[in-house]
PDB file of N, CA and C in Angstrom:
ATOM      1  N   MET A   1    -105.223-111.042-185.677  1.00  0.00           N
ATOM      2  CA  MET A   1    -105.603-111.240-184.697  1.00  0.00           C
ATOM      3  C   MET A   1    -107.379-110.611-184.664  1.00  0.00           C
ATOM      4  N   GLU A   2    -107.383-109.744-185.324  1.00  0.00           N
ATOM      5  CA  GLU A   2    -108.535-109.016-185.375  1.00  0.00           C
ATOM      6  C   GLU A   2    -109.704-109.750-186.206  1.00  0.00           C
ATOM      7  N   LYS A   3    -109.168-110.611-187.266  1.00  0.00           N
ATOM      8  CA  LYS A   3    -109.949-111.742-188.186  1.00  0.00           C
ATOM      9  C   LYS A   3    -110.529-112.865-187.415  1.00  0.00           C
ATOM     10  N   LEU A   4    -109.435-113.269-185.982  1.00  0.00           N
ATOM     11  CA  LEU A   4    -109.872-114.654-185.522  1.00  0.00           C
ATOM     12  C   LEU A   4    -110.909-114.035-184.261  1.00  0.00           C
ATOM     13  N   LYS A   5    -110.802-112.906-184.029  1.00  0.00           N
ATOM     14  CA  LYS A   5    -111.682-112.585-182.730  1.00  0.00           C
ATOM     15  C   LYS A   5    -112.977-112.179-183.512  1.00  0.00           C
ATOM     16  N   GLU A   6    -113.257-111.898-184.719  1.00  0.00           N
ATOM     17  CA  GLU A   6    -114.672-111.729-185.490  1.00  0.00           C
ATOM     18  C   GLU A   6    -115.004-112.908-186.019  1.00  0.00           C
ATOM     19  N   LYS A   7    -114.045-113.913-186.247  1.00  0.00           N
ATOM     20  CA  LYS A   7    -114.520-115.430-186.714  1.00  0.00           C
ATOM     21  C   LYS A   7    -115.431-116.101-185.325  1.00  0.00           C
ATOM     22  N   ILE A   8    -114.844-115.898-184.018  1.00  0.00           N
ATOM     23  CA  ILE A   8    -115.124-116.772-182.981  1.00  0.00           C
ATOM     24  C   ILE A   8    -115.956-115.757-182.343  1.00  0.00           C
ATOM     25  N   ASN A   9    -116.259-114.443-182.720  1.00  0.00           N
ATOM     26  CA  ASN A   9    -117.583-113.356-182.200  1.00  0.00           C
ATOM     27  C   ASN A   9    -118.967-114.590-182.615  1.00  0.00           C
ATOM     28  N   VAL A  10    -118.509-114.462-184.298  1.00  0.00           N
ATOM     29  CA  VAL A  10    -119.672-115.251-185.115  1.00  0.00           C
ATOM     30  C   VAL A  10    -119.617-116.912-184.762  1.00  0.00           C
ATOM     31  N   GLU A  11    -118.820-117.489-184.516  1.00  0.00           N
ATOM     32  CA  GLU A  11    -119.127-118.667-183.798  1.00  0.00           C
ATOM     33  C   GLU A  11    -119.721-118.797-182.583  1.00  0.00           C
ATOM     34  N   PHE A  12    -119.321-117.975-181.395  1.00  0.00           N
ATOM     35  CA  PHE A  12    -120.101-117.502-180.384  1.00  0.00           C
ATOM     36  C   PHE A  12    -121.691-117.050-180.427  1.00  0.00           C
ATOM     37  N   TRP A  13    -121.876-116.838-181.146  1.00  0.00           N
ATOM     38  CA  TRP A  13    -123.236-116.493-181.820  1.00  0.00           C
ATOM     39  C   TRP A  13    -124.132-117.693-181.989  1.00  0.00           C
ATOM     40  N   ASP A  14    -123.583-118.519-182.943  1.00  0.00           N
ATOM     41  CA  ASP A  14    -123.899-119.594-183.426  1.00  0.00           C
ATOM     42  C   ASP A  14    -123.920-120.309-182.234  1.00  0.00           C
ATOM     43  N   PHE A  15    -122.962-120.483-180.972  1.00  0.00           N
ATOM     44  CA  PHE A  15    -123.048-121.582-180.319  1.00  0.00           C
ATOM     45  C   PHE A  15    -124.339-121.262-179.434  1.00  0.00           C
ATOM     46  N   VAL A  16    -124.495-119.723-178.502  1.00  0.00           N
ATOM     47  CA  VAL A  16    -125.998-119.453-178.056  1.00  0.00           C
ATOM     48  C   VAL A  16    -127.125-120.174-178.888  1.00  0.00           C
ATOM     49  N   ALA A  17    -126.950-119.944-180.097  1.00  0.00           N
ATOM     50  CA  ALA A  17    -128.311-120.127-181.091  1.00  0.00           C
ATOM     51  C   ALA A  17    -128.649-121.578-180.744  1.00  0.00           C
ATOM     52  N   LEU A  18    -127.695-122.455-181.028  1.00  0.00           N
ATOM     53  CA  LEU A  18    -127.293-123.813-180.683  1.00  0.00           C
ATOM     54  C   LEU A  18    -128.111-124.174-179.390  1.00  0.00           C
ATOM     55  N   LEU A  19    -127.868-123.347-178.447  1.00  0.00           N
ATOM     56  CA  LEU A  19    -128.293-124.227-177.138  1.00  0.00           C
ATOM     57  C   LEU A  19    -129.657-123.479-176.673  1.00  0.00           C
ATOM     58  N   ALA A  20    -130.117-122.411-177.396  1.00  0.00           N
ATOM     59  CA  ALA A  20    -131.259-121.963-177.300  1.00  0.00           C
ATOM     60  C   ALA A  20    -132.071-123.082-177.924  1.00  0.00           C
ATOM     61  N   LEU A  21    -131.755-123.468-179.022  1.00  0.00           N
ATOM     62  CA  LEU A  21    -132.484-124.430-179.663  1.00  0.00           C
ATOM     63  C   LEU A  21    -132.665-126.098-179.081  1.00  0.00           C
ATOM     64  N   PHE A  22    -131.415-126.171-178.600  1.00  0.00           N
ATOM     65  CA  PHE A  22    -131.658-127.328-177.787  1.00  0.00           C
ATOM     66  C   PHE A  22    -132.230-127.560-176.515  1.00  0.00           C
ATOM     67  N   PHE A  23    -132.257-126.515-175.948  1.00  0.00           N
ATOM     68  CA  PHE A  23    -133.015-126.484-174.862  1.00  0.00           C
ATOM     69  C   PHE A  23    -134.285-126.171-174.621  1.00  0.00           C
ATOM     70  N   THR A  24    -134.959-125.192-175.788  1.00  0.00           N
ATOM     71  CA  THR A  24    -136.030-124.956-176.301  1.00  0.00           C
ATOM     72  C   THR A  24    -137.020-126.421-176.445  1.00  0.00           C
ATOM     73  N   SER A  25    -135.764-126.820-177.494  1.00  0.00           N
ATOM     74  CA  SER A  25    -136.759-128.475-178.227  1.00  0.00           C
ATOM     75  C   SER A  25    -137.015-129.112-176.576  1.00  0.00           C
ATOM     76  N   MET A  26    -135.551-129.163-175.760  1.00  0.00           N
ATOM     77  CA  MET A  26    -136.001-130.073-174.621  1.00  0.00           C
ATOM     78  C   MET A  26    -137.030-129.804-173.589  1.00  0.00           C
ATOM     79  N   VAL A  27    -137.612-128.855-173.611  1.00  0.00           N
ATOM     80  CA  VAL A  27    -138.684-128.430-172.657  1.00  0.00           C
ATOM     81  C   VAL A  27    -139.949-128.663-173.802  1.00  0.00           C
ATOM     82  N   ILE A  28    -139.968-128.614-174.776  1.00  0.00           N
ATOM     83  CA  ILE A  28    -141.454-128.777-175.659  1.00  0.00           C
ATOM     84  C   ILE A  28    -141.415-130.307-175.665  1.00  0.00           C
ATOM     85  N   PHE A  29    -140.097-131.340-176.100  1.00  0.00           N
ATOM     86  CA  PHE A  29    -140.537-132.320-176.014  1.00  0.00           C
ATOM     87  C   PHE A  29    -140.889-133.023-174.299  1.00  0.00           C
ATOM     88  N   ALA A  30    -140.224-132.537-173.389  1.00  0.00           N
ATOM     89  CA  ALA A  30    -140.597-132.773-171.766  1.00  0.00           C
ATOM     90  C   ALA A  30    -141.891-132.601-171.848  1.00  0.00           C
ATOM     91  N   PHE A  31    -142.480-131.699-172.407  1.00  0.00           N
ATOM     92  CA  PHE A  31    -143.766-131.028-171.999  1.00  0.00           C
ATOM     93  C   PHE A  31    -145.060-131.999-172.909  1.00  0.00           C
ATOM     94  N   PHE A  32    -144.553-132.464-174.023  1.00  0.00           N
ATOM     95  CA  PHE A  32    -145.308-133.878-174.226  1.00  0.00           C
ATOM     96  C   PHE A  32    -144.986-134.593-173.998  1.00  0.00           C
ATOM     97  N   LYS A  33    -144.172-135.327-173.508  1.00  0.00           N
ATOM     98  CA  LYS A  33    -143.692-136.491-173.126  1.00  0.00           C
ATOM     99  C   LYS A  33    -143.297-137.343-173.666  1.00  0.00           C
ATOM    100  N   LEU A  34    -142.184-136.329-174.789  1.00  0.00           N
ATOM    101  CA  LEU A  34    -141.658-137.410-175.392  1.00  0.00           C
ATOM    102  C   LEU A  34    -139.844-137.420-174.804  1.00  0.00           C
ATOM    103  N   VAL A  35    -139.989-138.014-173.518  1.00  0.00           N
ATOM    104  CA  VAL A  35    -138.814-138.398-173.081  1.00  0.00           C
ATOM    105  C   VAL A  35    -137.626-138.448-173.647  1.00  0.00           C
ATOM    106  N   PRO A  36    -137.553-139.574-174.471  1.00  0.00           N
ATOM    107  CA  PRO A  36    -136.699-139.939-175.430  1.00  0.00           C
ATOM    108  C   PRO A  36    -135.843-138.691-176.272  1.00  0.00           C
ATOM    109  N   LEU A  37    -136.961-138.026-176.531  1.00  0.00           N
ATOM    110  CA  LEU A  37    -135.927-137.218-177.531  1.00  0.00           C
ATOM    111  C   LEU A  37    -135.857-135.771-176.664  1.00  0.00           C
ATOM    112  N   ALA A  38    -136.508-135.437-175.595  1.00  0.00           N
ATOM    113  CA  ALA A  38    -135.686-134.176-174.674  1.00  0.00           C
ATOM    114  C   ALA A  38    -134.225-134.516-174.153  1.00  0.00           C
ATOM    115  N   PHE A  39    -134.444-136.222-174.007  1.00  0.00           N
ATOM    116  CA  PHE A  39    -132.505-136.576-173.440  1.00  0.00           C
ATOM    117  C   PHE A  39    -131.722-136.166-174.510  1.00  0.00           C
ATOM    118  N   ILE A  40    -131.885-136.820-175.855  1.00  0.00           N
ATOM    119  CA  ILE A  40    -131.162-136.388-177.112  1.00  0.00           C
ATOM    120  C   ILE A  40    -131.265-135.443-177.190  1.00  0.00           C
ATOM    121  N   CYS A  41    -131.869-134.104-176.867  1.00  0.00           N
ATOM    122  CA  CYS A  41    -131.482-133.040-176.747  1.00  0.00           C
ATOM    123  C   CYS A  41    -130.818-131.975-175.987  1.00  0.00           C
ATOM    124  N   LEU A  42    -130.974-132.679-174.758  1.00  0.00           N
ATOM    125  CA  LEU A  42    -129.862-132.269-173.298  1.00  0.00           C
ATOM    126  C   LEU A  42    -128.775-132.770-173.739  1.00  0.00           C
ATOM    127  N   ALA A  43    -128.723-134.157-174.444  1.00  0.00           N
ATOM    128  CA  ALA A  43    -127.184-135.087-174.682  1.00  0.00           C
ATOM    129  C   ALA A  43    -126.801-133.823-175.873  1.00  0.00           C
ATOM    130  N   LEU A  44    -127.389-133.578-177.295  1.00  0.00           N
ATOM    131  CA  LEU A  44    -126.452-132.112-177.829  1.00  0.00           C
ATOM    132  C   LEU A  44    -126.053-131.018-177.288  1.00  0.00           C
ATOM    133  N   ALA A  45    -127.040-130.495-176.011  1.00  0.00           N
ATOM    134  CA  ALA A  45    -126.573-129.301-175.456  1.00  0.00           C
ATOM    135  C   ALA A  45    -125.194-129.193-174.816  1.00  0.00           C
ATOM    136  N   PHE A  46    -125.062-130.816-173.854  1.00  0.00           N
ATOM    137  CA  PHE A  46    -123.765-130.851-173.333  1.00  0.00           C
ATOM    138  C   PHE A  46    -122.909-130.839-174.342  1.00  0.00           C
ATOM    139  N   PHE A  47    -122.905-131.869-175.162  1.00  0.00           N
ATOM    140  CA  PHE A  47    -121.922-131.469-176.151  1.00  0.00           C
ATOM    141  C   PHE A  47    -121.589-130.723-177.040  1.00  0.00           C
ATOM    142  N   THR A  48    -122.507-129.656-176.979  1.00  0.00           N
ATOM    143  CA  THR A  48    -122.313-128.442-177.747  1.00  0.00           C
ATOM    144  C   THR A  48    -121.533-127.486-176.804  1.00  0.00           C
ATOM    145  N   ALA A  49    -121.967-127.782-175.349  1.00  0.00           N
ATOM    146  CA  ALA A  49    -121.401-126.848-174.257  1.00  0.00           C
ATOM    147  C   ALA A  49    -119.676-127.209-174.346  1.00  0.00           C
ATOM    148  N   LEU A  50    -119.610-128.159-174.370  1.00  0.00           N
ATOM    149  CA  LEU A  50    -117.992-128.908-173.987  1.00  0.00           C
ATOM    150  C   LEU A  50    -117.323-128.895-175.070  1.00  0.00           C
ATOM    151  N   PHE A  51    -117.759-129.071-176.479  1.00  0.00           N
ATOM    152  CA  PHE A  51    -116.801-128.651-177.414  1.00  0.00           C
ATOM    153  C   PHE A  51    -116.621-127.425-178.357  1.00  0.00           C
ATOM    154  N   TYR A  52    -117.911-126.652-178.281  1.00  0.00           N
ATOM    155  CA  TYR A  52    -117.646-125.415-178.980  1.00  0.00           C
ATOM    156  C   TYR A  52    -116.132-124.616-178.162  1.00  0.00           C
ATOM    157  N   PRO A  53    -116.010-124.345-177.053  1.00  0.00           N
ATOM    158  CA  PRO A  53    -115.433-123.785-176.213  1.00  0.00           C
ATOM    159  C   PRO A  53    -113.663-124.214-176.355  1.00  0.00           C
ATOM    160  N   LEU A  54    -113.775-125.870-176.241  1.00  0.00           N
ATOM    161  CA  LEU A  54    -112.447-126.567-176.448  1.00  0.00           C
ATOM    162  C   LEU A  54    -111.652-125.721-177.729  1.00  0.00           C
ATOM    163  N   LYS A  55    -112.999-126.024-178.840  1.00  0.00           N
ATOM    164  CA  LYS A  55    -112.366-125.277-180.241  1.00  0.00           C
ATOM    165  C   LYS A  55    -112.018-124.110-180.498  1.00  0.00           C
ATOM    166  N   TRP A  56    -112.662-123.019-179.752  1.00  0.00           N
ATOM    167  CA  TRP A  56    -111.977-122.039-179.569  1.00  0.00           C
ATOM    168  C   TRP A  56    -110.560-121.319-179.046  1.00  0.00           C
ATOM    169  N   ILE A  57    -110.298-122.948-177.962  1.00  0.00           N
ATOM    170  CA  ILE A  57    -109.191-122.366-177.418  1.00  0.00           C
ATOM    171  C   ILE A  57    -107.999-123.277-178.113  1.00  0.00           C
ATOM    172  N   VAL A  58    -108.530-124.417-178.702  1.00  0.00           N
ATOM    173  CA  VAL A  58    -107.484-124.591-179.526  1.00  0.00           C
ATOM    174  C   VAL A  58    -107.034-123.878-180.745  1.00  0.00           C
ATOM    175  N   GLN A  59    -108.129-123.117-180.925  1.00  0.00           N
ATOM    176  CA  GLN A  59    -107.550-122.208-182.467  1.00  0.00           C
ATOM    177  C   GLN A  59    -107.023-120.759-181.806  1.00  0.00           C
ATOM    178  N   ILE A  60    -106.988-120.368-180.694  1.00  0.00           N
ATOM    179  CA  ILE A  60    -106.339-119.366-179.961  1.00  0.00           C
ATOM    180  C   ILE A  60    -104.835-120.251-180.107  1.00  0.00           C
ATOM    181  N   ILE A  61    -104.628-120.673-179.545  1.00  0.00           N
ATOM    182  CA  ILE A  61    -103.344-121.823-179.395  1.00  0.00           C
ATOM    183  C   ILE A  61    -102.888-121.763-180.594  1.00  0.00           C
ATOM    184  N   ILE A  62    -103.540-122.383-181.499  1.00  0.00           N
ATOM    185  CA  ILE A  62    -102.707-122.510-183.027  1.00  0.00           C
ATOM    186  C   ILE A  62    -102.075-120.996-183.259  1.00  0.00           C
ATOM    187  N   PHE A  63    -103.433-120.204-183.311  1.00  0.00           N
ATOM    188  CA  PHE A  63    -102.768-118.718-184.092  1.00  0.00           C
ATOM    189  C   PHE A  63    -101.845-118.148-183.174  1.00  0.00           C
ATOM    190  N   LYS A  64    -101.436-118.932-181.999  1.00  0.00           N
ATOM    191  CA  LYS A  64    -100.372-117.990-181.027  1.00  0.00           C
ATOM    192  C   LYS A  64     -99.217-118.676-181.162  1.00  0.00           C
ATOM    193  N   ILE A  65     -99.297-119.656-182.224  1.00  0.00           N
ATOM    194  CA  ILE A  65     -98.364-120.424-182.236  1.00  0.00           C
ATOM    195  C   ILE A  65     -97.394-120.175-183.609  1.00  0.00           C
ATOM    196  N   LYS A  66     -98.371-120.118-184.555  1.00  0.00           N
ATOM    197  CA  LYS A  66     -98.178-119.478-185.808  1.00  0.00           C
ATOM    198  C   LYS A  66     -97.579-118.202-185.877  1.00  0.00           C
ATOM    199  N   LYS A  67     -97.993-117.325-184.923  1.00  0.00           N
ATOM    200  CA  LYS A  67     -97.730-115.932-184.797  1.00  0.00           C
ATOM    201  C   LYS A  67     -96.210-115.573-184.279  1.00  0.00           C
ATOM    202  N   GLY A  68     -96.043-116.815-183.473  1.00  0.00           N
ATOM    203  CA  GLY A  68     -94.830-116.764-182.385  1.00  0.00           C
ATOM    204  C   GLY A  68     -94.449-115.802-181.555  1.00  0.00           C
TER     205      GLY A  68
END
């Protein structure tokens, strides 16, 4: 379980970095009136915010099933 917690902790900070990157890029693109690129960054942020936590939930469930 400790190895899984460590892996999820590392993935969590990757998740935070990705969201910060997407939102920062979105603000910069919107400031320069590049709305299509800002929209793409927003869509990527939503995609990341939705699927990363689902991945963690599935990993925990699989680990609990394997452990018995």
